[in-house]
Amino acid sequence: MAWNVLAGALTLVYPLAIWFGHGTIEPRWLAGLLLLAVAARLPALRLSAAARWSAAAALGLAALAIGANAVLPLKLYPVLVNVAFLAAFGWSLVHGPSMVERFARLREPDLPPAAVSYTRRVTQAWCVFFAANGTVALLTAVFAPEAVWSLYTGVVSYVLMGLMFGGEYLLRMRFRRLHHA
């Protein structure tokens, strides 16, 4: 659990640390943050092939940043995170059950068919979110100043994710009222 908290905290502060460090700290040293983020995820690697692929890709980005002493590979980490989530959620749509259905069954093992359909649509919505969020993260990494990239990946994307969670929660409460009453 402590590893998950550390990994989450590193992911949250990562864009801001890159922005504040850019121009004053060489990218090869900033890559240490990415290495820390990967190290914090090591306990989960034995659980998931997706986690192993994601960690390998993050190590590749860190190696590029260190080798080229360039900040761009470090700015691509949020893109990688979105691609990993998109892949996991998308894979679950093809190979079932959907990711959101898996989460829902933790609380309610006997989901009715209408709820299974609903969770599938929510998983699809998250796929759209991760694709759009990853695209904006990529565009800001490549074409925008560091401050814009940091603002989007370190603040705006989390606000959008929170709005998505909140909006889905409200829809779920409405769905439950209509289908479980």
N, C-alpha and C. Protein backbone atom coordinates (compact mmCIF):
# COMPACT_ATOMS: atom_id res chain seq x y z
N MET A 1 0.82 -1.19 0.00
CA MET A 1 0.00 0.00 0.00
C MET A 1 0.87 1.26 0.00
N ALA A 2 1.93 1.25 0.79
CA ALA A 2 2.82 2.41 0.84
C ALA A 2 3.46 2.66 -0.52
N TRP A 3 3.76 1.57 -1.25
CA TRP A 3 4.35 1.72 -2.58
C TRP A 3 3.37 2.39 -3.52
N ASN A 4 2.09 2.02 -3.42
CA ASN A 4 1.08 2.63 -4.27
C ASN A 4 0.93 4.12 -3.98
N VAL A 5 1.00 4.49 -2.72
CA VAL A 5 0.91 5.90 -2.34
C VAL A 5 2.12 6.66 -2.89
N LEU A 6 3.30 6.08 -2.74
CA LEU A 6 4.52 6.71 -3.26
C LEU A 6 4.44 6.86 -4.78
N ALA A 7 4.03 5.80 -5.46
CA ALA A 7 3.91 5.85 -6.93
C ALA A 7 2.89 6.91 -7.35
N GLY A 8 1.77 6.96 -6.66
CA GLY A 8 0.75 7.97 -6.97
C GLY A 8 1.25 9.38 -6.74
N ALA A 9 1.95 9.59 -5.63
CA ALA A 9 2.49 10.91 -5.32
C ALA A 9 3.52 11.34 -6.37
N LEU A 10 4.39 10.41 -6.76
CA LEU A 10 5.39 10.73 -7.78
C LEU A 10 4.72 11.07 -9.11
N THR A 11 3.66 10.34 -9.46
CA THR A 11 2.95 10.62 -10.70
C THR A 11 2.31 12.00 -10.66
N LEU A 12 1.78 12.37 -9.50
CA LEU A 12 1.12 13.67 -9.37
C LEU A 12 2.10 14.84 -9.46
N VAL A 13 3.25 14.71 -8.80
CA VAL A 13 4.18 15.83 -8.78
C VAL A 13 5.15 15.83 -9.96
N TYR A 14 5.20 14.74 -10.69
CA TYR A 14 6.15 14.59 -11.78
C TYR A 14 6.14 15.76 -12.77
N PRO A 15 4.97 16.14 -13.35
CA PRO A 15 4.99 17.24 -14.33
C PRO A 15 5.50 18.56 -13.74
N LEU A 16 5.13 18.83 -12.50
CA LEU A 16 5.58 20.08 -11.87
C LEU A 16 7.08 20.04 -11.60
N ALA A 17 7.57 18.89 -11.19
CA ALA A 17 9.01 18.77 -10.93
C ALA A 17 9.81 18.94 -12.22
N ILE A 18 9.32 18.38 -13.31
CA ILE A 18 10.01 18.54 -14.60
C ILE A 18 10.00 20.00 -15.01
N TRP A 19 8.87 20.66 -14.83
CA TRP A 19 8.77 22.08 -15.21
C TRP A 19 9.70 22.94 -14.36
N PHE A 20 9.67 22.75 -13.03
CA PHE A 20 10.53 23.56 -12.17
C PHE A 20 12.00 23.25 -12.38
N GLY A 21 12.30 21.98 -12.68
CA GLY A 21 13.70 21.59 -12.86
C GLY A 21 14.26 21.91 -14.23
N HIS A 22 13.37 22.04 -15.24
CA HIS A 22 13.84 22.30 -16.60
C HIS A 22 14.57 23.64 -16.67
N GLY A 23 15.73 23.61 -17.25
CA GLY A 23 16.53 24.83 -17.38
C GLY A 23 17.51 25.03 -16.24
N THR A 24 17.27 24.37 -15.10
CA THR A 24 18.19 24.50 -13.97
C THR A 24 18.87 23.18 -13.63
N ILE A 25 18.18 22.08 -13.93
CA ILE A 25 18.72 20.75 -13.67
C ILE A 25 18.78 20.01 -15.01
N GLU A 26 19.89 19.39 -15.28
CA GLU A 26 20.02 18.66 -16.54
C GLU A 26 18.99 17.53 -16.61
N PRO A 27 18.42 17.33 -17.81
CA PRO A 27 17.42 16.27 -17.96
C PRO A 27 17.89 14.89 -17.50
N ARG A 28 19.19 14.61 -17.67
CA ARG A 28 19.67 13.29 -17.23
C ARG A 28 19.50 13.10 -15.73
N TRP A 29 19.52 14.20 -14.96
CA TRP A 29 19.30 14.10 -13.52
C TRP A 29 17.79 14.08 -13.21
N LEU A 30 17.02 14.81 -13.99
CA LEU A 30 15.57 14.78 -13.82
C LEU A 30 15.01 13.39 -14.11
N ALA A 31 15.71 12.63 -14.95
CA ALA A 31 15.28 11.26 -15.26
C ALA A 31 15.23 10.41 -14.00
N GLY A 32 15.93 10.82 -12.98
CA GLY A 32 15.86 10.10 -11.70
C GLY A 32 14.44 10.04 -11.15
N LEU A 33 13.64 11.08 -11.40
CA LEU A 33 12.24 11.06 -10.96
C LEU A 33 11.47 9.94 -11.65
N LEU A 34 11.73 9.78 -12.94
CA LEU A 34 11.07 8.72 -13.69
C LEU A 34 11.52 7.36 -13.19
N LEU A 35 12.80 7.24 -12.89
CA LEU A 35 13.31 5.98 -12.34
C LEU A 35 12.68 5.68 -10.98
N LEU A 36 12.48 6.72 -10.16
CA LEU A 36 11.80 6.54 -8.88
C LEU A 36 10.35 6.09 -9.07
N ALA A 37 9.68 6.68 -10.05
CA ALA A 37 8.29 6.30 -10.33
C ALA A 37 8.22 4.82 -10.74
N VAL A 38 9.17 4.39 -11.56
CA VAL A 38 9.21 2.98 -11.97
C VAL A 38 9.52 2.10 -10.77
N ALA A 39 10.49 2.50 -9.95
CA ALA A 39 10.85 1.71 -8.78
C ALA A 39 9.68 1.56 -7.82
N ALA A 40 8.88 2.62 -7.68
CA ALA A 40 7.73 2.55 -6.79
C ALA A 40 6.67 1.58 -7.31
N ARG A 41 6.68 1.34 -8.60
CA ARG A 41 5.71 0.41 -9.19
C ARG A 41 6.22 -1.04 -9.24
N LEU A 42 7.46 -1.26 -8.86
CA LEU A 42 8.04 -2.60 -8.93
C LEU A 42 7.23 -3.67 -8.20
N PRO A 43 6.68 -3.40 -7.02
CA PRO A 43 5.89 -4.45 -6.36
C PRO A 43 4.70 -4.94 -7.19
N ALA A 44 4.15 -4.10 -8.05
CA ALA A 44 3.00 -4.50 -8.87
C ALA A 44 3.41 -5.27 -10.12
N LEU A 45 4.68 -5.28 -10.46
CA LEU A 45 5.12 -5.88 -11.72
C LEU A 45 4.83 -7.38 -11.80
N ARG A 46 4.89 -8.06 -10.68
CA ARG A 46 4.64 -9.50 -10.74
C ARG A 46 3.15 -9.80 -10.94
N LEU A 47 2.31 -8.79 -10.76
CA LEU A 47 0.87 -9.00 -10.88
C LEU A 47 0.35 -8.81 -12.30
N SER A 48 1.00 -8.00 -13.08
CA SER A 48 0.39 -7.61 -14.34
C SER A 48 1.42 -7.50 -15.46
N ALA A 49 1.09 -8.12 -16.58
CA ALA A 49 1.95 -7.99 -17.77
C ALA A 49 1.93 -6.55 -18.26
N ALA A 50 0.77 -5.89 -18.15
CA ALA A 50 0.68 -4.48 -18.57
C ALA A 50 1.60 -3.61 -17.74
N ALA A 51 1.68 -3.89 -16.44
CA ALA A 51 2.57 -3.11 -15.57
C ALA A 51 4.02 -3.32 -15.97
N ARG A 52 4.36 -4.54 -16.34
CA ARG A 52 5.74 -4.81 -16.77
C ARG A 52 6.08 -4.07 -18.06
N TRP A 53 5.15 -4.08 -19.04
CA TRP A 53 5.37 -3.36 -20.29
C TRP A 53 5.48 -1.86 -20.05
N SER A 54 4.62 -1.35 -19.20
CA SER A 54 4.62 0.08 -18.89
C SER A 54 5.94 0.48 -18.22
N ALA A 55 6.39 -0.34 -17.28
CA ALA A 55 7.66 -0.06 -16.61
C ALA A 55 8.83 -0.11 -17.58
N ALA A 56 8.81 -1.08 -18.50
CA ALA A 56 9.88 -1.18 -19.50
C ALA A 56 9.89 0.06 -20.39
N ALA A 57 8.70 0.51 -20.80
CA ALA A 57 8.63 1.72 -21.64
C ALA A 57 9.11 2.94 -20.87
N ALA A 58 8.75 3.05 -19.59
CA ALA A 58 9.21 4.18 -18.77
C ALA A 58 10.74 4.14 -18.62
N LEU A 59 11.29 2.96 -18.43
CA LEU A 59 12.75 2.83 -18.36
C LEU A 59 13.39 3.24 -19.68
N GLY A 60 12.73 2.91 -20.79
CA GLY A 60 13.22 3.34 -22.11
C GLY A 60 13.24 4.86 -22.23
N LEU A 61 12.16 5.50 -21.76
CA LEU A 61 12.13 6.97 -21.79
C LEU A 61 13.23 7.56 -20.92
N ALA A 62 13.43 6.97 -19.73
CA ALA A 62 14.50 7.46 -18.85
C ALA A 62 15.86 7.28 -19.51
N ALA A 63 16.08 6.15 -20.16
CA ALA A 63 17.35 5.90 -20.83
C ALA A 63 17.58 6.92 -21.95
N LEU A 64 16.52 7.22 -22.71
CA LEU A 64 16.64 8.24 -23.76
C LEU A 64 16.98 9.60 -23.17
N ALA A 65 16.31 9.96 -22.07
CA ALA A 65 16.57 11.25 -21.44
C ALA A 65 18.00 11.33 -20.93
N ILE A 66 18.47 10.24 -20.35
CA ILE A 66 19.83 10.22 -19.82
C ILE A 66 20.84 10.24 -20.97
N GLY A 67 20.63 9.39 -21.95
CA GLY A 67 21.58 9.29 -23.07
C GLY A 67 21.67 10.56 -23.89
N ALA A 68 20.54 11.18 -24.17
CA ALA A 68 20.52 12.39 -25.00
C ALA A 68 20.54 13.66 -24.16
N ASN A 69 20.43 13.50 -22.84
CA ASN A 69 20.31 14.65 -21.93
C ASN A 69 19.22 15.60 -22.45
N ALA A 70 18.06 15.00 -22.78
CA ALA A 70 16.95 15.73 -23.37
C ALA A 70 15.71 15.62 -22.49
N VAL A 71 14.93 16.68 -22.46
CA VAL A 71 13.73 16.70 -21.63
C VAL A 71 12.52 16.07 -22.31
N LEU A 72 12.49 16.03 -23.64
CA LEU A 72 11.32 15.50 -24.34
C LEU A 72 10.94 14.08 -23.89
N PRO A 73 11.88 13.14 -23.77
CA PRO A 73 11.46 11.81 -23.31
C PRO A 73 10.79 11.85 -21.93
N LEU A 74 11.21 12.76 -21.08
CA LEU A 74 10.61 12.88 -19.76
C LEU A 74 9.18 13.43 -19.86
N LYS A 75 8.96 14.31 -20.82
CA LYS A 75 7.63 14.88 -21.02
C LYS A 75 6.68 13.87 -21.65
N LEU A 76 7.20 12.80 -22.18
CA LEU A 76 6.35 11.78 -22.80
C LEU A 76 5.81 10.77 -21.80
N TYR A 77 6.27 10.82 -20.55
CA TYR A 77 5.78 9.87 -19.54
C TYR A 77 4.26 9.95 -19.34
N PRO A 78 3.65 11.15 -19.23
CA PRO A 78 2.19 11.17 -19.12
C PRO A 78 1.48 10.57 -20.33
N VAL A 79 2.09 10.68 -21.50
CA VAL A 79 1.53 10.04 -22.69
C VAL A 79 1.55 8.53 -22.49
N LEU A 80 2.68 8.02 -22.01
CA LEU A 80 2.81 6.59 -21.75
C LEU A 80 1.76 6.10 -20.75
N VAL A 81 1.53 6.87 -19.70
CA VAL A 81 0.55 6.48 -18.69
C VAL A 81 -0.84 6.37 -19.33
N ASN A 82 -1.20 7.35 -20.16
CA ASN A 82 -2.50 7.31 -20.83
C ASN A 82 -2.58 6.14 -21.81
N VAL A 83 -1.51 5.86 -22.53
CA VAL A 83 -1.50 4.73 -23.45
C VAL A 83 -1.66 3.42 -22.68
N ALA A 84 -1.00 3.32 -21.53
CA ALA A 84 -1.12 2.09 -20.73
C ALA A 84 -2.55 1.90 -20.24
N PHE A 85 -3.18 2.96 -19.75
CA PHE A 85 -4.58 2.85 -19.31
C PHE A 85 -5.50 2.54 -20.48
N LEU A 86 -5.27 3.21 -21.60
CA LEU A 86 -6.08 2.94 -22.79
C LEU A 86 -5.94 1.48 -23.22
N ALA A 87 -4.73 0.98 -23.21
CA ALA A 87 -4.50 -0.42 -23.59
C ALA A 87 -5.21 -1.38 -22.63
N ALA A 88 -5.11 -1.12 -21.33
CA ALA A 88 -5.74 -2.01 -20.35
C ALA A 88 -7.26 -1.97 -20.47
N PHE A 89 -7.82 -0.78 -20.56
CA PHE A 89 -9.27 -0.67 -20.66
C PHE A 89 -9.76 -1.21 -22.01
N GLY A 90 -9.04 -0.91 -23.08
CA GLY A 90 -9.41 -1.41 -24.40
C GLY A 90 -9.31 -2.92 -24.49
N TRP A 91 -8.26 -3.48 -23.93
CA TRP A 91 -8.08 -4.94 -23.92
C TRP A 91 -9.27 -5.60 -23.22
N SER A 92 -9.70 -4.99 -22.13
CA SER A 92 -10.82 -5.57 -21.37
C SER A 92 -12.12 -5.53 -22.18
N LEU A 93 -12.25 -4.57 -23.08
CA LEU A 93 -13.44 -4.52 -23.94
C LEU A 93 -13.44 -5.67 -24.94
N VAL A 94 -12.27 -6.03 -25.41
CA VAL A 94 -12.16 -7.10 -26.40
C VAL A 94 -12.23 -8.48 -25.74
N HIS A 95 -11.57 -8.61 -24.59
CA HIS A 95 -11.43 -9.91 -23.95
C HIS A 95 -12.28 -10.09 -22.70
N GLY A 96 -13.05 -9.08 -22.32
CA GLY A 96 -14.02 -9.13 -21.23
C GLY A 96 -13.53 -9.83 -19.97
N PRO A 97 -14.17 -9.58 -18.89
CA PRO A 97 -15.18 -8.52 -18.73
C PRO A 97 -14.52 -7.14 -18.77
N SER A 98 -15.35 -6.14 -19.02
CA SER A 98 -14.79 -4.78 -19.13
C SER A 98 -14.16 -4.37 -17.80
N MET A 99 -13.22 -3.45 -17.87
CA MET A 99 -12.50 -3.01 -16.68
C MET A 99 -13.46 -2.48 -15.61
N VAL A 100 -14.41 -1.66 -16.01
CA VAL A 100 -15.34 -1.09 -15.04
C VAL A 100 -16.24 -2.17 -14.46
N GLU A 101 -16.59 -3.16 -15.26
CA GLU A 101 -17.36 -4.29 -14.72
C GLU A 101 -16.56 -5.02 -13.64
N ARG A 102 -15.28 -5.21 -13.88
CA ARG A 102 -14.44 -5.86 -12.86
C ARG A 102 -14.46 -5.08 -11.55
N PHE A 103 -14.34 -3.75 -11.66
CA PHE A 103 -14.39 -2.93 -10.45
C PHE A 103 -15.76 -3.03 -9.79
N ALA A 104 -16.81 -2.98 -10.59
CA ALA A 104 -18.18 -3.03 -10.05
C ALA A 104 -18.44 -4.36 -9.34
N ARG A 105 -17.93 -5.44 -9.87
CA ARG A 105 -18.17 -6.75 -9.27
C ARG A 105 -17.45 -6.92 -7.93
N LEU A 106 -16.48 -6.08 -7.66
CA LEU A 106 -15.85 -6.12 -6.34
C LEU A 106 -16.85 -5.73 -5.25
N ARG A 107 -17.78 -4.83 -5.58
CA ARG A 107 -18.79 -4.39 -4.63
C ARG A 107 -20.10 -5.15 -4.77
N GLU A 108 -20.40 -5.56 -6.00
CA GLU A 108 -21.67 -6.22 -6.29
C GLU A 108 -21.41 -7.38 -7.25
N PRO A 109 -21.11 -8.56 -6.71
CA PRO A 109 -20.72 -9.70 -7.56
C PRO A 109 -21.78 -10.13 -8.57
N ASP A 110 -23.04 -9.97 -8.25
CA ASP A 110 -24.12 -10.41 -9.14
C ASP A 110 -24.73 -9.22 -9.87
N LEU A 111 -24.01 -8.70 -10.83
CA LEU A 111 -24.52 -7.56 -11.59
C LEU A 111 -25.62 -8.01 -12.55
N PRO A 112 -26.71 -7.24 -12.62
CA PRO A 112 -27.73 -7.55 -13.61
C PRO A 112 -27.23 -7.21 -15.01
N PRO A 113 -27.84 -7.78 -16.05
CA PRO A 113 -27.39 -7.53 -17.43
C PRO A 113 -27.36 -6.04 -17.80
N ALA A 114 -28.32 -5.26 -17.31
CA ALA A 114 -28.32 -3.83 -17.62
C ALA A 114 -27.09 -3.15 -17.04
N ALA A 115 -26.65 -3.59 -15.86
CA ALA A 115 -25.46 -3.01 -15.24
C ALA A 115 -24.20 -3.41 -15.99
N VAL A 116 -24.17 -4.64 -16.49
CA VAL A 116 -23.02 -5.09 -17.29
C VAL A 116 -22.91 -4.23 -18.54
N SER A 117 -24.04 -3.97 -19.18
CA SER A 117 -24.04 -3.11 -20.37
C SER A 117 -23.58 -1.69 -20.01
N TYR A 118 -24.06 -1.18 -18.89
CA TYR A 118 -23.67 0.16 -18.43
C TYR A 118 -22.16 0.22 -18.19
N THR A 119 -21.61 -0.79 -17.50
CA THR A 119 -20.17 -0.76 -17.20
C THR A 119 -19.34 -0.84 -18.48
N ARG A 120 -19.86 -1.52 -19.47
CA ARG A 120 -19.16 -1.58 -20.77
C ARG A 120 -19.12 -0.19 -21.40
N ARG A 121 -20.23 0.53 -21.37
CA ARG A 121 -20.27 1.89 -21.93
C ARG A 121 -19.34 2.82 -21.15
N VAL A 122 -19.28 2.66 -19.84
CA VAL A 122 -18.37 3.49 -19.04
C VAL A 122 -16.92 3.18 -19.40
N THR A 123 -16.60 1.92 -19.59
CA THR A 123 -15.24 1.54 -20.00
C THR A 123 -14.91 2.17 -21.35
N GLN A 124 -15.87 2.16 -22.28
CA GLN A 124 -15.65 2.81 -23.57
C GLN A 124 -15.41 4.31 -23.40
N ALA A 125 -16.17 4.93 -22.51
CA ALA A 125 -15.99 6.37 -22.26
C ALA A 125 -14.59 6.64 -21.71
N TRP A 126 -14.11 5.77 -20.81
CA TRP A 126 -12.75 5.95 -20.29
C TRP A 126 -11.71 5.77 -21.40
N CYS A 127 -11.97 4.87 -22.32
CA CYS A 127 -11.04 4.70 -23.46
C CYS A 127 -10.96 5.99 -24.27
N VAL A 128 -12.11 6.61 -24.52
CA VAL A 128 -12.12 7.90 -25.24
C VAL A 128 -11.35 8.94 -24.44
N PHE A 129 -11.58 8.97 -23.12
CA PHE A 129 -10.88 9.94 -22.27
C PHE A 129 -9.37 9.74 -22.35
N PHE A 130 -8.91 8.50 -22.18
CA PHE A 130 -7.46 8.25 -22.20
C PHE A 130 -6.85 8.57 -23.56
N ALA A 131 -7.57 8.27 -24.63
CA ALA A 131 -7.06 8.60 -25.97
C ALA A 131 -6.95 10.11 -26.14
N ALA A 132 -7.97 10.85 -25.75
CA ALA A 132 -7.95 12.31 -25.89
C ALA A 132 -6.91 12.93 -24.96
N ASN A 133 -6.88 12.48 -23.72
CA ASN A 133 -5.93 13.03 -22.75
C ASN A 133 -4.49 12.75 -23.18
N GLY A 134 -4.24 11.55 -23.65
CA GLY A 134 -2.89 11.20 -24.13
C GLY A 134 -2.50 12.01 -25.35
N THR A 135 -3.46 12.27 -26.23
CA THR A 135 -3.18 13.07 -27.43
C THR A 135 -2.82 14.50 -27.04
N VAL A 136 -3.57 15.09 -26.12
CA VAL A 136 -3.26 16.46 -25.68
C VAL A 136 -1.91 16.48 -24.96
N ALA A 137 -1.65 15.47 -24.14
CA ALA A 137 -0.35 15.40 -23.46
C ALA A 137 0.78 15.33 -24.47
N LEU A 138 0.59 14.54 -25.54
CA LEU A 138 1.61 14.44 -26.58
C LEU A 138 1.81 15.77 -27.30
N LEU A 139 0.70 16.39 -27.67
CA LEU A 139 0.80 17.67 -28.39
C LEU A 139 1.47 18.74 -27.54
N THR A 140 1.13 18.79 -26.25
CA THR A 140 1.77 19.80 -25.39
C THR A 140 3.24 19.46 -25.16
N ALA A 141 3.58 18.17 -25.09
CA ALA A 141 4.98 17.78 -24.90
C ALA A 141 5.83 18.19 -26.09
N VAL A 142 5.28 18.05 -27.28
CA VAL A 142 6.06 18.30 -28.50
C VAL A 142 6.02 19.76 -28.93
N PHE A 143 4.85 20.40 -28.82
CA PHE A 143 4.68 21.72 -29.43
C PHE A 143 4.51 22.89 -28.46
N ALA A 144 4.24 22.64 -27.20
CA ALA A 144 3.94 23.74 -26.27
C ALA A 144 5.14 24.02 -25.36
N PRO A 145 5.19 25.22 -24.81
CA PRO A 145 6.23 25.51 -23.82
C PRO A 145 6.07 24.61 -22.58
N GLU A 146 7.15 24.44 -21.84
CA GLU A 146 7.13 23.56 -20.66
C GLU A 146 6.04 23.95 -19.67
N ALA A 147 5.79 25.25 -19.51
CA ALA A 147 4.77 25.69 -18.55
C ALA A 147 3.38 25.20 -18.97
N VAL A 148 3.09 25.22 -20.26
CA VAL A 148 1.79 24.75 -20.76
C VAL A 148 1.69 23.24 -20.57
N TRP A 149 2.75 22.52 -20.93
CA TRP A 149 2.77 21.08 -20.75
C TRP A 149 2.55 20.73 -19.28
N SER A 150 3.27 21.39 -18.40
CA SER A 150 3.17 21.12 -16.97
C SER A 150 1.79 21.45 -16.43
N LEU A 151 1.23 22.57 -16.85
CA LEU A 151 -0.11 22.94 -16.41
C LEU A 151 -1.12 21.89 -16.86
N TYR A 152 -1.04 21.46 -18.11
CA TYR A 152 -2.00 20.47 -18.59
C TYR A 152 -1.80 19.12 -17.89
N THR A 153 -0.58 18.60 -17.90
CA THR A 153 -0.37 17.25 -17.37
C THR A 153 -0.37 17.20 -15.85
N GLY A 154 -0.08 18.34 -15.21
CA GLY A 154 -0.01 18.35 -13.75
C GLY A 154 -1.24 18.90 -13.06
N VAL A 155 -2.13 19.56 -13.81
CA VAL A 155 -3.32 20.15 -13.18
C VAL A 155 -4.57 19.83 -14.00
N VAL A 156 -4.59 20.34 -15.23
CA VAL A 156 -5.81 20.25 -16.05
C VAL A 156 -6.25 18.80 -16.25
N SER A 157 -5.32 17.92 -16.58
CA SER A 157 -5.72 16.53 -16.84
C SER A 157 -6.31 15.88 -15.59
N TYR A 158 -5.80 16.23 -14.40
CA TYR A 158 -6.35 15.67 -13.17
C TYR A 158 -7.73 16.25 -12.87
N VAL A 159 -7.92 17.52 -13.18
CA VAL A 159 -9.25 18.12 -13.01
C VAL A 159 -10.24 17.44 -13.95
N LEU A 160 -9.83 17.23 -15.20
CA LEU A 160 -10.70 16.55 -16.16
C LEU A 160 -11.02 15.13 -15.70
N MET A 161 -10.03 14.44 -15.17
CA MET A 161 -10.24 13.09 -14.68
C MET A 161 -11.22 13.10 -13.50
N GLY A 162 -11.06 14.07 -12.62
CA GLY A 162 -11.98 14.20 -11.49
C GLY A 162 -13.39 14.49 -11.95
N LEU A 163 -13.53 15.35 -12.96
CA LEU A 163 -14.85 15.64 -13.52
C LEU A 163 -15.46 14.38 -14.15
N MET A 164 -14.62 13.60 -14.81
CA MET A 164 -15.10 12.35 -15.41
C MET A 164 -15.58 11.39 -14.31
N PHE A 165 -14.79 11.23 -13.26
CA PHE A 165 -15.19 10.37 -12.14
C PHE A 165 -16.50 10.87 -11.52
N GLY A 166 -16.54 12.17 -11.25
CA GLY A 166 -17.73 12.75 -10.62
C GLY A 166 -18.96 12.63 -11.49
N GLY A 167 -18.81 12.94 -12.78
CA GLY A 167 -19.93 12.82 -13.70
C GLY A 167 -20.42 11.39 -13.80
N GLU A 168 -19.50 10.46 -13.88
CA GLU A 168 -19.88 9.05 -13.97
C GLU A 168 -20.56 8.61 -12.68
N TYR A 169 -20.10 9.09 -11.54
CA TYR A 169 -20.73 8.73 -10.26
C TYR A 169 -22.19 9.19 -10.23
N LEU A 170 -22.42 10.43 -10.68
CA LEU A 170 -23.79 10.94 -10.72
C LEU A 170 -24.65 10.12 -11.68
N LEU A 171 -24.12 9.77 -12.83
CA LEU A 171 -24.86 8.93 -13.78
C LEU A 171 -25.13 7.54 -13.19
N ARG A 172 -24.15 7.02 -12.47
CA ARG A 172 -24.32 5.69 -11.85
C ARG A 172 -25.43 5.72 -10.81
N MET A 173 -25.47 6.78 -10.01
CA MET A 173 -26.53 6.90 -9.00
C MET A 173 -27.90 6.97 -9.68
N ARG A 174 -27.99 7.70 -10.77
CA ARG A 174 -29.24 7.79 -11.53
C ARG A 174 -29.59 6.42 -12.12
N PHE A 175 -28.60 5.75 -12.69
CA PHE A 175 -28.81 4.42 -13.27
C PHE A 175 -29.34 3.46 -12.21
N ARG A 176 -28.72 3.48 -11.04
CA ARG A 176 -29.14 2.58 -9.95
C ARG A 176 -30.58 2.86 -9.53
N ARG A 177 -30.94 4.16 -9.45
CA ARG A 177 -32.31 4.52 -9.08
C ARG A 177 -33.29 3.97 -10.11
N LEU A 178 -32.94 4.10 -11.39
CA LEU A 178 -33.86 3.68 -12.45
C LEU A 178 -33.95 2.15 -12.62
N HIS A 179 -32.85 1.46 -12.33
CA HIS A 179 -32.79 0.01 -12.62
C HIS A 179 -32.81 -0.89 -11.39
N HIS A 180 -32.62 -0.35 -10.22
CA HIS A 180 -32.58 -1.17 -9.02
C HIS A 180 -33.70 -0.83 -8.05
N ALA A 181 -34.60 0.02 -8.45
CA ALA A 181 -35.65 0.47 -7.53
C ALA A 181 -36.75 -0.56 -7.37
